[in-house]
Amino acid sequence: MPAKRSSSPERLAALVLAALLLAGCPDEPEAPAPADTSAKPVVSTAPPEPPPSPLVRIVEEPARRGLEALESLVAAMPQGRGDADSHYLALRRSLAAGAPIWRRPESLGGEVVFGPPRSIDEGGGALLRLDAALVLGDAAAARVEMVTLDRALRLFQSEARRIPTVPGVVAHALSLAAYDLGALALESFQGVPEGSAAVLADLRGTLDFVESASAALATPGTAETPAALASVKEIAGPLRVRLDAAKIADDLDDRASFVLATGRLGAALRRLVAAAGLPVRMPYRARFPVAKADADEPVSALTLPAPRIRPRSASGDEATWAALGRKLFFDKRLSKNNARSCATCHVPERGFADGLVRPPSLDPAVTLRHTPTLLYGPLHAAQLWDGRALTPERQALGVIRARAEMGLETDELLHAIESAADLRALFQALPTPGVTTDNVGRALAAFESEAFVPGDAPIDVFARGDETALSPLHRRGLDVFAGKGRCARCHIPPFFGGSRPLDFAVPIFAVLGVPDKPGGTTLDADRGRGALTSRPADEGAFKTPTTRDVARTAPYFHHGAFRTLEEVVDFYDKGGGKGLGIPVPNQDPDVRALGLSADEKRALLAFLREALLDKTPPEKLTGPPR
């Protein structure tokens, strides 16, 4: 959902302005009225309007350039596919240069242009719809979106003068812009366009903002800002050289090093913000920080975040919860007839999956889906294949209660714990003592948070600054993963799964058209999320799992029918279900034939198998806290 908006005086003024603009801006400019030759010239006595301040220019200039590009695009509408048209690319670059300011909830046109910032459907705004229309060569649909963009750009331009951008807003945007630059390089940013040329335009525009906004923030500045600005330029300069040398985003070799540099750029920008005496905002806290101060942490789109659970207490209470959760995870008394524990299906030696196509069901009438790994589970925005549970706590309790999985009703669960002296004592020793379902869920979630996010794969070591951690083959594999393979559009770094930064609270579901067997032409019958929501768009949709440690967690997909990563890559390379000739009307548009070469597949598979494989064996994660 969009963030709640306040009704400040400035916002009320902006609402009035928006109403005037949106009601009064015609689709085409009106012809000027004929001159009255009898009228005497009027000499204005008003003082000339002062030139805009540097802060105003960083918002006004992108709007002006965007309007010019849009006018040229309208005048020379591309014939056929038009998403590589030079005027369209200039429009995208201008919008990207203003986006860090315009995307704020307070900006009236931002949601219209870029779409809701936290939408589970990710339908996008007018810009994404224009991109789709140009890809299809649909001139009529493109013109509709151009009218919307014209009005929004005029609003942005007017807002820049009437509601001046304050330094704090620029500082906030700068603190996050470098992260966005890295996410764009990985093509994992929300609203990423279809074509590689358009992705490059977005990258260039985002760096335009970084350069112009950092210079504006340093004017007039303080005694510390010149050195801080010089540090920003030193890091941004080589990134600009790489972007200027490329013709399309697919020309960007070694995107890993580009993203790593954006982490250093973010730290430099935050030092500039601090030097200007303004508050600093982090994209998020790093799971494994490498800097002493938060502002100096080089958080990039490859940096693992701290798990999204209750904050750790200063007194170390979280260790008490995790210790209980560890015991519960392996305890069969939490199931019907002591039949199984959590570890029965989430086997440590098998990457906390089970290696089976489907797990055995305690209810013969119920066929269970393939057991997913619990590794990095605390970073999931939703749990289970259909996303029916939003937190690890709810997921754990749901499995305990499910008659086909562990089969204990709530009263049976509480009775089992109360009847076990060792468990009862541990529950009474909790910071919030008592045998309750909330305490069961919290303990299991605390254990998962502590144990199941190892973060020592080569990609993580690289993200923390060791550039030797990724081999040249791994780097080429990441280039395929982010670019031609289109993997990162759903398997979003740094989790490499379906949780979108910055808060990792919005899940991603996708319709792939998975057949009942590799190469098959019959769609698997499981409705996925559609059985939960009854929405046509959700028919056959499943949560995007993490590809971390994927070499340990075969077989694959919700039904476990694909036994090797080669089968999975071939399925995507052919274009998903549609590519196999299966009718899938709602298949995700990012799933289409890829045309990967043998070398590209080899690099991609090496990246998946090796660069995302944690050094610590999963069975070593369940011991005492590290």
Foldseek 3Di string as FASTA:
>chain_A
DADDDDDDPLLVVLVVVLVCLVVPPDLDDDDDDDDDPPDDDDDDPDDDDDDDALQLCLQQVLLVQLLVLLVVCVVCPDAFQDCLPPSNLSNLLSCLSNLLLCCDSSRPCNCQQFNGPFDLVLPTHLNQQLLVCNRGRPVVSNSVSSSSSNSSSVSSNVCSPPVPDDLQSLQASLLCLLQVLLLLLLVQDRSRGDFQQSSLSSNNSSLSNNLSSLVSLVVVFDPPQVVLNVQLCVLSVVVNVQSVVDNGSLVRFLSLVVQLSSLQNSLSSLVNCVRRVYDHDHLAAACDFDDPDRSNGSDHLQGHHQFPDPDQDPVRLLLLLQVLLLVQQAFLLLFVVSPGGQCVQLPLLLQGGRQDLFDFWLDPVDGAWGGDHLAVVSLALADDFQRPHRGQLVVVVVQSCDCGHRNDDQVSNLVSQVVDVVSQVSQCPHPPHDRHSSSNSSSNRSNSSQQRHQQAFLSSVVSNPDVVSADSLLSLLSSCCSPLLVQCNALPPPQRFAFDDDSSNRGHKFAQQACPAQLDLHGDPDQRNCVVVVDPLSGRITTTHHLFQVLSHADDDGSRRRGDVVSVSVCQQLQGNVSSVHDDPNGDPSRGHRPDDPSNVVSNVCNSNGRRYHPDRSVVRSDRGD
